[in-house]
């Protein structure tokens, strides 16, 4: 019952956020209403490790990334794709770190696996 209540509340909050996104600044639905928020949400969820506190901090990090990207675009005349590039690189490196941690590639050193020959006989 608690899970259903949490899903109902989260759905209502997501709907309220969608209504405010569509009706807020422009007052009408435009084709460019969502500038890639789904991809940012994937990065936020992966960076936060699906932990509510982790997602809170990772969403603040991604928000700072977007704000910094817009500021860099205006002041340094950088393209907007720099922010998306950095976000993609961050997701790629996080995935690479997880793969390396999960599989832990090891070098096979043959000289370390040689069996020691027993020393027999004293002179």
PDB file of N, CA and C in Angstrom:
ATOM      1  N   UNK A   1       0.828  -1.190   0.000  1.00  0.00           N
ATOM      2  CA  UNK A   1       0.000   0.000   0.000  1.00  0.00           C
ATOM      3  C   UNK A   1       0.876   1.259   0.000  1.00  0.00           C
ATOM      4  N   UNK A   2       1.975   1.198   0.745  1.00  0.00           N
ATOM      5  CA  UNK A   2       2.869   2.348   0.818  1.00  0.00           C
ATOM      6  C   UNK A   2       3.540   2.606  -0.526  1.00  0.00           C
ATOM      7  N   UNK A   3       3.852   1.536  -1.257  1.00  0.00           N
ATOM      8  CA  UNK A   3       4.472   1.685  -2.573  1.00  0.00           C
ATOM      9  C   UNK A   3       3.501   2.361  -3.534  1.00  0.00           C
ATOM     10  N   UNK A   4       2.237   1.965  -3.500  1.00  0.00           N
ATOM     11  CA  UNK A   4       1.243   2.581  -4.381  1.00  0.00           C
ATOM     12  C   UNK A   4       1.041   4.049  -4.045  1.00  0.00           C
ATOM     13  N   UNK A   5       1.062   4.376  -2.775  1.00  0.00           N
ATOM     14  CA  UNK A   5       0.918   5.770  -2.366  1.00  0.00           C
ATOM     15  C   UNK A   5       2.112   6.595  -2.832  1.00  0.00           C
ATOM     16  N   UNK A   6       3.306   6.041  -2.710  1.00  0.00           N
ATOM     17  CA  UNK A   6       4.501   6.746  -3.186  1.00  0.00           C
ATOM     18  C   UNK A   6       4.457   6.939  -4.693  1.00  0.00           C
ATOM     19  N   UNK A   7       3.984   5.926  -5.431  1.00  0.00           N
ATOM     20  CA  UNK A   7       3.868   6.059  -6.883  1.00  0.00           C
ATOM     21  C   UNK A   7       2.822   7.097  -7.258  1.00  0.00           C
ATOM     22  N   UNK A   8       1.733   7.152  -6.529  1.00  0.00           N
ATOM     23  CA  UNK A   8       0.685   8.135  -6.798  1.00  0.00           C
ATOM     24  C   UNK A   8       1.187   9.551  -6.545  1.00  0.00           C
ATOM     25  N   UNK A   9       1.881   9.747  -5.452  1.00  0.00           N
ATOM     26  CA  UNK A   9       2.412  11.077  -5.133  1.00  0.00           C
ATOM     27  C   UNK A   9       3.477  11.491  -6.138  1.00  0.00           C
ATOM     28  N   UNK A  10       4.367  10.566  -6.511  1.00  0.00           N
ATOM     29  CA  UNK A  10       5.414  10.922  -7.474  1.00  0.00           C
ATOM     30  C   UNK A  10       4.829  11.205  -8.850  1.00  0.00           C
ATOM     31  N   UNK A  11       3.799  10.476  -9.247  1.00  0.00           N
ATOM     32  CA  UNK A  11       3.134  10.756 -10.519  1.00  0.00           C
ATOM     33  C   UNK A  11       2.449  12.109 -10.515  1.00  0.00           C
ATOM     34  N   UNK A  12       1.820  12.455  -9.393  1.00  0.00           N
ATOM     35  CA  UNK A  12       1.172  13.765  -9.294  1.00  0.00           C
ATOM     36  C   UNK A  12       2.197  14.889  -9.346  1.00  0.00           C
ATOM     37  N   UNK A  13       3.325  14.706  -8.669  1.00  0.00           N
ATOM     38  CA  UNK A  13       4.376  15.730  -8.708  1.00  0.00           C
ATOM     39  C   UNK A  13       4.994  15.849 -10.096  1.00  0.00           C
ATOM     40  N   UNK A  14       5.165  14.723 -10.791  1.00  0.00           N
ATOM     41  CA  UNK A  14       5.697  14.772 -12.158  1.00  0.00           C
ATOM     42  C   UNK A  14       4.712  15.457 -13.093  1.00  0.00           C
ATOM     43  N   UNK A  15       3.433  15.196 -12.930  1.00  0.00           N
ATOM     44  CA  UNK A  15       2.421  15.881 -13.736  1.00  0.00           C
ATOM     45  C   UNK A  15       2.384  17.366 -13.460  1.00  0.00           C
ATOM     46  N   UNK A  16       2.515  17.745 -12.203  1.00  0.00           N
ATOM     47  CA  UNK A  16       2.549  19.164 -11.850  1.00  0.00           C
ATOM     48  C   UNK A  16       3.776  19.844 -12.440  1.00  0.00           C
ATOM     49  N   UNK A  17       4.906  19.156 -12.419  1.00  0.00           N
ATOM     50  CA  UNK A  17       6.114  19.717 -13.027  1.00  0.00           C
ATOM     51  C   UNK A  17       5.949  19.853 -14.534  1.00  0.00           C
ATOM     52  N   UNK A  18       5.306  18.883 -15.175  1.00  0.00           N
ATOM     53  CA  UNK A  18       5.069  18.965 -16.613  1.00  0.00           C
ATOM     54  C   UNK A  18       4.139  20.102 -16.979  1.00  0.00           C
ATOM     55  N   UNK A  19       3.104  20.302 -16.189  1.00  0.00           N
ATOM     56  CA  UNK A  19       2.181  21.413 -16.452  1.00  0.00           C
ATOM     57  C   UNK A  19       2.886  22.744 -16.285  1.00  0.00           C
ATOM     58  N   UNK A  20       3.696  22.875 -15.255  1.00  0.00           N
ATOM     59  CA  UNK A  20       4.400  24.144 -15.055  1.00  0.00           C
ATOM     60  C   UNK A  20       5.458  24.361 -16.128  1.00  0.00           C
ATOM     61  N   UNK A  21       6.031  23.289 -16.661  1.00  0.00           N
ATOM     62  CA  UNK A  21       7.016  23.421 -17.738  1.00  0.00           C
ATOM     63  C   UNK A  21       6.348  23.876 -19.028  1.00  0.00           C
ATOM     64  N   UNK A  22       5.182  23.338 -19.320  1.00  0.00           N
ATOM     65  CA  UNK A  22       4.492  23.681 -20.563  1.00  0.00           C
ATOM     66  C   UNK A  22       3.813  25.037 -20.462  1.00  0.00           C
ATOM     67  N   UNK A  23       3.111  25.286 -19.366  1.00  0.00           N
ATOM     68  CA  UNK A  23       2.316  26.506 -19.263  1.00  0.00           C
ATOM     69  C   UNK A  23       3.066  27.664 -18.628  1.00  0.00           C
ATOM     70  N   UNK A  24       4.254  27.423 -18.115  1.00  0.00           N
ATOM     71  CA  UNK A  24       4.962  28.468 -17.388  1.00  0.00           C
ATOM     72  C   UNK A  24       5.480  29.615 -18.225  1.00  0.00           C
ATOM     73  N   UNK A  25       6.638  29.480 -18.839  1.00  0.00           N
ATOM     74  CA  UNK A  25       7.261  30.634 -19.484  1.00  0.00           C
ATOM     75  C   UNK A  25       6.538  31.104 -20.738  1.00  0.00           C
ATOM     76  N   UNK A  26       6.041  30.187 -21.565  1.00  0.00           N
ATOM     77  CA  UNK A  26       5.453  30.580 -22.843  1.00  0.00           C
ATOM     78  C   UNK A  26       3.934  30.583 -22.782  1.00  0.00           C
ATOM     79  N   UNK A  27       3.364  29.674 -22.039  1.00  0.00           N
ATOM     80  CA  UNK A  27       1.919  29.603 -21.926  1.00  0.00           C
ATOM     81  C   UNK A  27       1.282  28.709 -22.967  1.00  0.00           C
ATOM     82  N   UNK A  28       2.078  28.052 -23.772  1.00  0.00           N
ATOM     83  CA  UNK A  28       1.543  27.127 -24.766  1.00  0.00           C
ATOM     84  C   UNK A  28       2.551  26.015 -25.021  1.00  0.00           C
ATOM     85  N   UNK A  29       2.081  24.949 -25.636  1.00  0.00           N
ATOM     86  CA  UNK A  29       2.934  23.808 -25.926  1.00  0.00           C
ATOM     87  C   UNK A  29       3.696  24.056 -27.221  1.00  0.00           C
ATOM     88  N   UNK A  30       5.007  23.971 -27.151  1.00  0.00           N
ATOM     89  CA  UNK A  30       5.856  24.155 -28.326  1.00  0.00           C
ATOM     90  C   UNK A  30       6.638  22.862 -28.564  1.00  0.00           C
ATOM     91  N   UNK A  31       7.097  22.622 -29.785  1.00  0.00           N
ATOM     92  CA  UNK A  31       7.828  21.366 -30.047  1.00  0.00           C
ATOM     93  C   UNK A  31       9.131  21.242 -29.257  1.00  0.00           C
ATOM     94  N   UNK A  32       9.763  22.326 -28.901  1.00  0.00           N
ATOM     95  CA  UNK A  32      11.031  22.282 -28.180  1.00  0.00           C
ATOM     96  C   UNK A  32      10.821  22.389 -26.672  1.00  0.00           C
ATOM     97  N   UNK A  33       9.765  21.778 -26.143  1.00  0.00           N
ATOM     98  CA  UNK A  33       9.449  21.956 -24.731  1.00  0.00           C
ATOM     99  C   UNK A  33      10.440  21.219 -23.828  1.00  0.00           C
ATOM    100  N   UNK A  34      11.006  20.123 -24.295  1.00  0.00           N
ATOM    101  CA  UNK A  34      11.920  19.340 -23.465  1.00  0.00           C
ATOM    102  C   UNK A  34      13.277  19.246 -24.142  1.00  0.00           C
ATOM    103  N   UNK A  35      14.204  20.080 -23.754  1.00  0.00           N
ATOM    104  CA  UNK A  35      15.517  20.057 -24.410  1.00  0.00           C
ATOM    105  C   UNK A  35      16.439  18.971 -23.863  1.00  0.00           C
ATOM    106  N   UNK A  36      16.043  17.723 -23.959  1.00  0.00           N
ATOM    107  CA  UNK A  36      16.907  16.625 -23.540  1.00  0.00           C
ATOM    108  C   UNK A  36      16.910  16.350 -22.051  1.00  0.00           C
ATOM    109  N   UNK A  37      15.813  16.606 -21.369  1.00  0.00           N
ATOM    110  CA  UNK A  37      15.772  16.348 -19.932  1.00  0.00           C
ATOM    111  C   UNK A  37      15.810  14.852 -19.626  1.00  0.00           C
ATOM    112  N   UNK A  38      15.340  14.030 -20.540  1.00  0.00           N
ATOM    113  CA  UNK A  38      15.367  12.585 -20.305  1.00  0.00           C
ATOM    114  C   UNK A  38      16.779  12.044 -20.231  1.00  0.00           C
ATOM    115  N   UNK A  39      17.654  12.541 -21.104  1.00  0.00           N
ATOM    116  CA  UNK A  39      19.048  12.099 -21.074  1.00  0.00           C
ATOM    117  C   UNK A  39      19.747  12.603 -19.811  1.00  0.00           C
ATOM    118  N   UNK A  40      19.413  13.791 -19.390  1.00  0.00           N
ATOM    119  CA  UNK A  40      19.984  14.300 -18.141  1.00  0.00           C
ATOM    120  C   UNK A  40      19.492  13.477 -16.954  1.00  0.00           C
ATOM    121  N   UNK A  41      18.239  13.040 -17.008  1.00  0.00           N
ATOM    122  CA  UNK A  41      17.697  12.233 -15.916  1.00  0.00           C
ATOM    123  C   UNK A  41      18.394  10.878 -15.825  1.00  0.00           C
ATOM    124  N   UNK A  42      18.765  10.308 -16.961  1.00  0.00           N
ATOM    125  CA  UNK A  42      19.503   9.043 -16.947  1.00  0.00           C
ATOM    126  C   UNK A  42      20.853   9.239 -16.274  1.00  0.00           C
ATOM    127  N   UNK A  43      21.527  10.333 -16.618  1.00  0.00           N
ATOM    128  CA  UNK A  43      22.825  10.617 -16.009  1.00  0.00           C
ATOM    129  C   UNK A  43      22.682  10.874 -14.515  1.00  0.00           C
ATOM    130  N   UNK A  44      21.646  11.608 -14.128  1.00  0.00           N
ATOM    131  CA  UNK A  44      21.419  11.903 -12.707  1.00  0.00           C
ATOM    132  C   UNK A  44      21.158  10.616 -11.933  1.00  0.00           C
ATOM    133  N   UNK A  45      20.318   9.749 -12.476  1.00  0.00           N
ATOM    134  CA  UNK A  45      19.999   8.502 -11.775  1.00  0.00           C
ATOM    135  C   UNK A  45      21.218   7.597 -11.670  1.00  0.00           C
ATOM    136  N   UNK A  46      22.026   7.551 -12.724  1.00  0.00           N
ATOM    137  CA  UNK A  46      23.208   6.695 -12.674  1.00  0.00           C
ATOM    138  C   UNK A  46      24.272   7.267 -11.759  1.00  0.00           C
ATOM    139  N   UNK A  47      24.435   8.578 -11.787  1.00  0.00           N
ATOM    140  CA  UNK A  47      25.426   9.222 -10.930  1.00  0.00           C
ATOM    141  C   UNK A  47      25.029   9.121  -9.463  1.00  0.00           C
ATOM    142  N   UNK A  48      23.732   9.199  -9.179  1.00  0.00           N
ATOM    143  CA  UNK A  48      23.241   9.093  -7.809  1.00  0.00           C
ATOM    144  C   UNK A  48      23.085   7.672  -7.319  1.00  0.00           C
ATOM    145  N   UNK A  49      23.362   6.695  -8.174  1.00  0.00           N
ATOM    146  CA  UNK A  49      23.293   5.269  -7.830  1.00  0.00           C
ATOM    147  C   UNK A  49      21.916   4.855  -7.336  1.00  0.00           C
ATOM    148  N   UNK A  50      20.861   5.506  -7.847  1.00  0.00           N
ATOM    149  CA  UNK A  50      19.469   5.225  -7.505  1.00  0.00           C
ATOM    150  C   UNK A  50      19.188   5.367  -6.009  1.00  0.00           C
ATOM    151  N   UNK A  51      19.982   6.153  -5.339  1.00  0.00           N
ATOM    152  CA  UNK A  51      19.789   6.474  -3.929  1.00  0.00           C
ATOM    153  C   UNK A  51      19.152   7.865  -3.873  1.00  0.00           C
ATOM    154  N   UNK A  52      18.076   8.059  -3.109  1.00  0.00           N
ATOM    155  CA  UNK A  52      17.420   9.372  -3.105  1.00  0.00           C
ATOM    156  C   UNK A  52      18.347  10.524  -2.716  1.00  0.00           C
ATOM    157  N   UNK A  53      19.210  10.318  -1.747  1.00  0.00           N
ATOM    158  CA  UNK A  53      20.137  11.381  -1.354  1.00  0.00           C
ATOM    159  C   UNK A  53      21.185  11.590  -2.445  1.00  0.00           C
ATOM    160  N   UNK A  54      21.665  10.503  -3.021  1.00  0.00           N
ATOM    161  CA  UNK A  54      22.633  10.607  -4.106  1.00  0.00           C
ATOM    162  C   UNK A  54      22.049  11.295  -5.325  1.00  0.00           C
ATOM    163  N   UNK A  55      20.787  11.013  -5.624  1.00  0.00           N
ATOM    164  CA  UNK A  55      20.131  11.661  -6.760  1.00  0.00           C
ATOM    165  C   UNK A  55      19.957  13.145  -6.494  1.00  0.00           C
ATOM    166  N   UNK A  56      19.700  13.513  -5.257  1.00  0.00           N
ATOM    167  CA  UNK A  56      19.579  14.936  -4.920  1.00  0.00           C
ATOM    168  C   UNK A  56      20.887  15.665  -5.215  1.00  0.00           C
ATOM    169  N   UNK A  57      22.000  15.100  -4.761  1.00  0.00           N
ATOM    170  CA  UNK A  57      23.292  15.755  -4.988  1.00  0.00           C
ATOM    171  C   UNK A  57      23.713  15.703  -6.458  1.00  0.00           C
ATOM    172  N   UNK A  58      23.436  14.593  -7.122  1.00  0.00           N
ATOM    173  CA  UNK A  58      23.815  14.518  -8.536  1.00  0.00           C
ATOM    174  C   UNK A  58      22.957  15.436  -9.396  1.00  0.00           C
ATOM    175  N   UNK A  59      21.698  15.638  -9.026  1.00  0.00           N
ATOM    176  CA  UNK A  59      20.870  16.581  -9.785  1.00  0.00           C
ATOM    177  C   UNK A  59      21.357  18.010  -9.588  1.00  0.00           C
ATOM    178  N   UNK A  60      21.838  18.322  -8.401  1.00  0.00           N
ATOM    179  CA  UNK A  60      22.424  19.652  -8.197  1.00  0.00           C
ATOM    180  C   UNK A  60      23.696  19.821  -9.026  1.00  0.00           C
ATOM    181  N   UNK A  61      24.487  18.757  -9.134  1.00  0.00           N
ATOM    182  CA  UNK A  61      25.695  18.812  -9.954  1.00  0.00           C
ATOM    183  C   UNK A  61      25.360  19.029 -11.429  1.00  0.00           C
ATOM    184  N   UNK A  62      24.371  18.315 -11.934  1.00  0.00           N
ATOM    185  CA  UNK A  62      23.980  18.468 -13.336  1.00  0.00           C
ATOM    186  C   UNK A  62      23.363  19.846 -13.567  1.00  0.00           C
ATOM    187  N   UNK A  63      22.604  20.357 -12.599  1.00  0.00           N
ATOM    188  CA  UNK A  63      22.043  21.708 -12.735  1.00  0.00           C
ATOM    189  C   UNK A  63      23.155  22.751 -12.792  1.00  0.00           C
ATOM    190  N   UNK A  64      24.175  22.581 -11.953  1.00  0.00           N
ATOM    191  CA  UNK A  64      25.317  23.497 -12.016  1.00  0.00           C
ATOM    192  C   UNK A  64      26.049  23.371 -13.345  1.00  0.00           C
ATOM    193  N   UNK A  65      26.093  22.174 -13.880  1.00  0.00           N
ATOM    194  CA  UNK A  65      26.712  21.967 -15.187  1.00  0.00           C
ATOM    195  C   UNK A  65      25.945  22.712 -16.277  1.00  0.00           C
ATOM    196  N   UNK A  66      24.624  22.644 -16.245  1.00  0.00           N
ATOM    197  CA  UNK A  66      23.823  23.367 -17.233  1.00  0.00           C
ATOM    198  C   UNK A  66      23.977  24.877 -17.080  1.00  0.00           C
ATOM    199  N   UNK A  67      23.939  25.359 -15.841  1.00  0.00           N
ATOM    200  CA  UNK A  67      24.087  26.804 -15.622  1.00  0.00           C
ATOM    201  C   UNK A  67      25.473  27.284 -16.020  1.00  0.00           C
ATOM    202  N   UNK A  68      26.491  26.502 -15.695  1.00  0.00           N
ATOM    203  CA  UNK A  68      27.848  26.863 -16.099  1.00  0.00           C
ATOM    204  C   UNK A  68      28.017  26.830 -17.603  1.00  0.00           C
ATOM    205  N   UNK A  69      27.361  25.885 -18.265  1.00  0.00           N
ATOM    206  CA  UNK A  69      27.421  25.814 -19.719  1.00  0.00           C
ATOM    207  C   UNK A  69      26.762  27.011 -20.378  1.00  0.00           C
ATOM    208  N   UNK A  70      25.627  27.434 -19.835  1.00  0.00           N
ATOM    209  CA  UNK A  70      24.965  28.624 -20.384  1.00  0.00           C
ATOM    210  C   UNK A  70      25.801  29.869 -20.142  1.00  0.00           C
ATOM    211  N   UNK A  71      26.407  29.962 -18.973  1.00  0.00           N
ATOM    212  CA  UNK A  71      27.265  31.112 -18.675  1.00  0.00           C
ATOM    213  C   UNK A  71      28.490  31.126 -19.584  1.00  0.00           C
ATOM    214  N   UNK A  72      29.093  29.958 -19.795  1.00  0.00           N
ATOM    215  CA  UNK A  72      30.253  29.885 -20.689  1.00  0.00           C
ATOM    216  C   UNK A  72      29.862  30.196 -22.123  1.00  0.00           C
ATOM    217  N   UNK A  73      28.658  29.812 -22.498  1.00  0.00           N
ATOM    218  CA  UNK A  73      28.200  30.104 -23.849  1.00  0.00           C
ATOM    219  C   UNK A  73      28.053  31.605 -24.056  1.00  0.00           C
ATOM    220  N   UNK A  74      27.545  32.288 -23.061  1.00  0.00           N
ATOM    221  CA  UNK A  74      27.331  33.733 -23.209  1.00  0.00           C
ATOM    222  C   UNK A  74      28.624  34.526 -23.088  1.00  0.00           C
ATOM    223  N   UNK A  75      29.480  34.157 -22.147  1.00  0.00           N
ATOM    224  CA  UNK A  75      30.671  34.980 -21.919  1.00  0.00           C
ATOM    225  C   UNK A  75      31.836  34.628 -22.834  1.00  0.00           C
ATOM    226  N   UNK A  76      32.027  33.346 -23.115  1.00  0.00           N
ATOM    227  CA  UNK A  76      33.185  32.918 -23.897  1.00  0.00           C
ATOM    228  C   UNK A  76      32.846  32.554 -25.337  1.00  0.00           C
ATOM    229  N   UNK A  77      31.590  32.713 -25.714  1.00  0.00           N
ATOM    230  CA  UNK A  77      31.114  32.374 -27.059  1.00  0.00           C
ATOM    231  C   UNK A  77      31.389  30.911 -27.417  1.00  0.00           C
ATOM    232  N   UNK A  78      31.193  30.034 -26.451  1.00  0.00           N
ATOM    233  CA  UNK A  78      31.342  28.599 -26.686  1.00  0.00           C
ATOM    234  C   UNK A  78      30.026  28.034 -27.204  1.00  0.00           C
ATOM    235  N   UNK A  79      30.075  26.951 -27.946  1.00  0.00           N
ATOM    236  CA  UNK A  79      28.817  26.340 -28.400  1.00  0.00           C
ATOM    237  C   UNK A  79      28.092  25.652 -27.243  1.00  0.00           C
ATOM    238  N   UNK A  80      26.787  25.528 -27.379  1.00  0.00           N
ATOM    239  CA  UNK A  80      25.979  24.900 -26.336  1.00  0.00           C
ATOM    240  C   UNK A  80      26.286  23.404 -26.219  1.00  0.00           C
ATOM    241  N   UNK A  81      26.824  22.827 -27.255  1.00  0.00           N
ATOM    242  CA  UNK A  81      27.119  21.390 -27.246  1.00  0.00           C
ATOM    243  C   UNK A  81      28.224  21.030 -26.258  1.00  0.00           C
ATOM    244  N   UNK A  82      28.964  22.016 -25.761  1.00  0.00           N
ATOM    245  CA  UNK A  82      30.016  21.738 -24.775  1.00  0.00           C
ATOM    246  C   UNK A  82      29.409  21.122 -23.516  1.00  0.00           C
ATOM    247  N   UNK A  83      28.277  21.634 -23.073  1.00  0.00           N
ATOM    248  CA  UNK A  83      27.622  21.096 -21.882  1.00  0.00           C
ATOM    249  C   UNK A  83      27.172  19.663 -22.127  1.00  0.00           C
ATOM    250  N   UNK A  84      26.576  19.415 -23.275  1.00  0.00           N
ATOM    251  CA  UNK A  84      26.131  18.060 -23.590  1.00  0.00           C
ATOM    252  C   UNK A  84      27.317  17.116 -23.761  1.00  0.00           C
ATOM    253  N   UNK A  85      28.391  17.614 -24.320  1.00  0.00           N
ATOM    254  CA  UNK A  85      29.598  16.804 -24.479  1.00  0.00           C
ATOM    255  C   UNK A  85      30.168  16.410 -23.118  1.00  0.00           C
ATOM    256  N   UNK A  86      30.233  17.365 -22.205  1.00  0.00           N
ATOM    257  CA  UNK A  86      30.754  17.068 -20.870  1.00  0.00           C
ATOM    258  C   UNK A  86      29.850  16.088 -20.136  1.00  0.00           C
ATOM    259  N   UNK A  87      28.545  16.246 -20.281  1.00  0.00           N
ATOM    260  CA  UNK A  87      27.606  15.336 -19.637  1.00  0.00           C
ATOM    261  C   UNK A  87      27.748  13.925 -20.212  1.00  0.00           C
ATOM    262  N   UNK A  88      27.897  13.806 -21.508  1.00  0.00           N
ATOM    263  CA  UNK A  88      28.089  12.497 -22.122  1.00  0.00           C
ATOM    264  C   UNK A  88      29.399  11.856 -21.708  1.00  0.00           C
ATOM    265  N   UNK A  89      30.462  12.666 -21.634  1.00  0.00           N
ATOM    266  CA  UNK A  89      31.748  12.129 -21.194  1.00  0.00           C
ATOM    267  C   UNK A  89      31.679  11.656 -19.749  1.00  0.00           C
ATOM    268  N   UNK A  90      30.967  12.401 -18.910  1.00  0.00           N
ATOM    269  CA  UNK A  90      30.836  12.006 -17.514  1.00  0.00           C
ATOM    270  C   UNK A  90      30.102  10.666 -17.412  1.00  0.00           C
ATOM    271  N   UNK A  91      29.021  10.501 -18.171  1.00  0.00           N
ATOM    272  CA  UNK A  91      28.293   9.238 -18.152  1.00  0.00           C
ATOM    273  C   UNK A  91      29.158   8.103 -18.697  1.00  0.00           C
ATOM    274  N   UNK A  92      29.903   8.362 -19.769  1.00  0.00           N
ATOM    275  CA  UNK A  92      30.768   7.337 -20.356  1.00  0.00           C
ATOM    276  C   UNK A  92      31.847   6.900 -19.370  1.00  0.00           C
ATOM    277  N   UNK A  93      32.490   7.844 -18.697  1.00  0.00           N
ATOM    278  CA  UNK A  93      33.542   7.478 -17.757  1.00  0.00           C
ATOM    279  C   UNK A  93      32.984   6.779 -16.519  1.00  0.00           C
ATOM    280  N   UNK A  94      31.786   7.149 -16.076  1.00  0.00           N
ATOM    281  CA  UNK A  94      31.167   6.427 -14.963  1.00  0.00           C
ATOM    282  C   UNK A  94      30.866   4.983 -15.349  1.00  0.00           C
ATOM    283  N   UNK A  95      30.345   4.794 -16.555  1.00  0.00           N
ATOM    284  CA  UNK A  95      30.080   3.432 -17.021  1.00  0.00           C
ATOM    285  C   UNK A  95      31.372   2.635 -17.162  1.00  0.00           C
ATOM    286  N   UNK A  96      32.417   3.283 -17.673  1.00  0.00           N
ATOM    287  CA  UNK A  96      33.703   2.601 -17.825  1.00  0.00           C
ATOM    288  C   UNK A  96      34.271   2.207 -16.466  1.00  0.00           C
ATOM    289  N   UNK A  97      34.155   3.084 -15.482  1.00  0.00           N
ATOM    290  CA  UNK A  97      34.639   2.749 -14.134  1.00  0.00           C
ATOM    291  C   UNK A  97      33.861   1.578 -13.548  1.00  0.00           C
ATOM    292  N   UNK A  98      32.552   1.556 -13.763  1.00  0.00           N
ATOM    293  CA  UNK A  98      31.763   0.436 -13.256  1.00  0.00           C
ATOM    294  C   UNK A  98      32.154  -0.875 -13.922  1.00  0.00           C
ATOM    295  N   UNK A  99      32.389  -0.832 -15.220  1.00  0.00           N
ATOM    296  CA  UNK A  99      32.797  -2.053 -15.922  1.00  0.00           C
ATOM    297  C   UNK A  99      34.155  -2.522 -15.417  1.00  0.00           C
ATOM    298  N   UNK A 100      35.084  -1.590 -15.238  1.00  0.00           N
ATOM    299  CA  UNK A 100      36.410  -1.979 -14.759  1.00  0.00           C
ATOM    300  C   UNK A 100      36.371  -2.490 -13.326  1.00  0.00           C
ATOM    301  N   UNK A 101      35.508  -1.923 -12.502  1.00  0.00           N
ATOM    302  CA  UNK A 101      35.384  -2.404 -11.128  1.00  0.00           C
ATOM    303  C   UNK A 101      34.710  -3.773 -11.100  1.00  0.00           C
ATOM    304  N   UNK A 102      33.715  -3.964 -11.953  1.00  0.00           N
ATOM    305  CA  UNK A 102      32.972  -5.220 -11.953  1.00  0.00           C
ATOM    306  C   UNK A 102      33.806  -6.377 -12.487  1.00  0.00           C
ATOM    307  N   UNK A 103      34.520  -6.154 -13.566  1.00  0.00           N
ATOM    308  CA  UNK A 103      35.255  -7.252 -14.188  1.00  0.00           C
ATOM    309  C   UNK A 103      36.716  -7.319 -13.771  1.00  0.00           C
ATOM    310  N   UNK A 104      37.290  -6.268 -13.294  1.00  0.00           N
ATOM    311  CA  UNK A 104      38.669  -6.201 -12.806  1.00  0.00           C
ATOM    312  C   UNK A 104      39.645  -6.964 -13.698  1.00  0.00           C
ATOM    313  N   UNK A 105      39.982  -6.401 -14.813  1.00  0.00           N
ATOM    314  CA  UNK A 105      40.927  -7.109 -15.688  1.00  0.00           C
ATOM    315  C   UNK A 105      42.295  -7.211 -15.022  1.00  0.00           C
ATOM    316  N   UNK A 106      42.850  -8.389 -15.062  1.00  0.00           N
ATOM    317  CA  UNK A 106      44.146  -8.629 -14.449  1.00  0.00           C
ATOM    318  C   UNK A 106      45.110  -9.130 -15.518  1.00  0.00           C
ATOM    319  N   UNK A 107      46.337  -8.737 -15.366  1.00  0.00           N
ATOM    320  CA  UNK A 107      47.376  -9.220 -16.263  1.00  0.00           C
ATOM    321  C   UNK A 107      47.832 -10.589 -15.782  1.00  0.00           C
ATOM    322  N   UNK A 108      47.977 -11.495 -16.704  1.00  0.00           N
ATOM    323  CA  UNK A 108      48.452 -12.826 -16.333  1.00  0.00           C
ATOM    324  C   UNK A 108      49.969 -12.821 -16.416  1.00  0.00           C
ATOM    325  N   UNK A 109      50.577 -13.016 -15.298  1.00  0.00           N
ATOM    326  CA  UNK A 109      52.035 -13.038 -15.232  1.00  0.00           C
ATOM    327  C   UNK A 109      52.449 -14.484 -15.043  1.00  0.00           C
ATOM    328  N   UNK A 110      53.118 -15.020 -16.045  1.00  0.00           N
ATOM    329  CA  UNK A 110      53.467 -16.437 -16.008  1.00  0.00           C
ATOM    330  C   UNK A 110      54.630 -16.730 -15.063  1.00  0.00           C
ATOM    331  N   UNK A 111      55.534 -15.794 -14.904  1.00  0.00           N
ATOM    332  CA  UNK A 111      56.676 -16.078 -14.036  1.00  0.00           C
ATOM    333  C   UNK A 111      56.267 -16.140 -12.582  1.00  0.00           C
ATOM    334  N   UNK A 112      55.179 -15.515 -12.212  1.00  0.00           N
ATOM    335  CA  UNK A 112      54.739 -15.564 -10.821  1.00  0.00           C
ATOM    336  C   UNK A 112      54.020 -16.868 -10.519  1.00  0.00           C
ATOM    337  N   UNK A 113      53.551 -17.543 -11.547  1.00  0.00           N
ATOM    338  CA  UNK A 113      52.806 -18.765 -11.311  1.00  0.00           C
ATOM    339  C   UNK A 113      53.679 -20.018 -11.409  1.00  0.00           C
ATOM    340  N   UNK A 114      54.950 -19.846 -11.648  1.00  0.00           N
ATOM    341  CA  UNK A 114      55.836 -21.007 -11.716  1.00  0.00           C
ATOM    342  C   UNK A 114      55.890 -21.701 -10.366  1.00  0.00           C
ATOM    343  N   UNK A 115      55.923 -22.970 -10.444  1.00  0.00           N
ATOM    344  CA  UNK A 115      56.014 -23.701  -9.182  1.00  0.00           C
ATOM    345  C   UNK A 115      57.459 -23.699  -8.725  1.00  0.00           C
ATOM    346  N   UNK A 116      57.581 -23.551  -7.450  1.00  0.00           N
ATOM    347  CA  UNK A 116      58.920 -23.564  -6.864  1.00  0.00           C
ATOM    348  C   UNK A 116      59.404 -25.014  -6.823  1.00  0.00           C
ATOM    349  N   UNK A 117      60.579 -25.232  -7.311  1.00  0.00           N
ATOM    350  CA  UNK A 117      61.140 -26.584  -7.240  1.00  0.00           C
ATOM    351  C   UNK A 117      61.725 -26.782  -5.848  1.00  0.00           C
ATOM    352  N   UNK A 118      61.400 -27.885  -5.231  1.00  0.00           N
ATOM    353  CA  UNK A 118      61.919 -28.099  -3.875  1.00  0.00           C
ATOM    354  C   UNK A 118      63.427 -28.334  -3.908  1.00  0.00           C
ATOM    355  N   UNK A 119      64.076 -27.750  -2.968  1.00  0.00           N
ATOM    356  CA  UNK A 119      65.526 -27.904  -2.843  1.00  0.00           C
ATOM    357  C   UNK A 119      65.778 -29.138  -1.984  1.00  0.00           C
ATOM    358  N   UNK A 120      66.435 -30.115  -2.543  1.00  0.00           N
ATOM    359  CA  UNK A 120      66.711 -31.347  -1.793  1.00  0.00           C
ATOM    360  C   UNK A 120      68.207 -31.574  -1.703  1.00  0.00           C
ATOM    361  N   UNK A 121      68.589 -32.158  -0.643  1.00  0.00           N
ATOM    362  CA  UNK A 121      69.993 -32.515  -0.435  1.00  0.00           C
ATOM    363  C   UNK A 121      70.825 -31.344   0.037  1.00  0.00           C
ATOM    364  N   UNK A 122      71.570 -31.579   1.000  1.00  0.00           N
ATOM    365  CA  UNK A 122      72.474 -30.551   1.517  1.00  0.00           C
ATOM    366  C   UNK A 122      73.897 -30.945   1.166  1.00  0.00           C
ATOM    367  N   UNK A 123      74.741 -30.011   0.910  1.00  0.00           N
ATOM    368  CA  UNK A 123      76.110 -30.294   0.498  1.00  0.00           C
ATOM    369  C   UNK A 123      76.954 -30.602   1.621  1.00  0.00           C
TER     370      UNK A 123
END
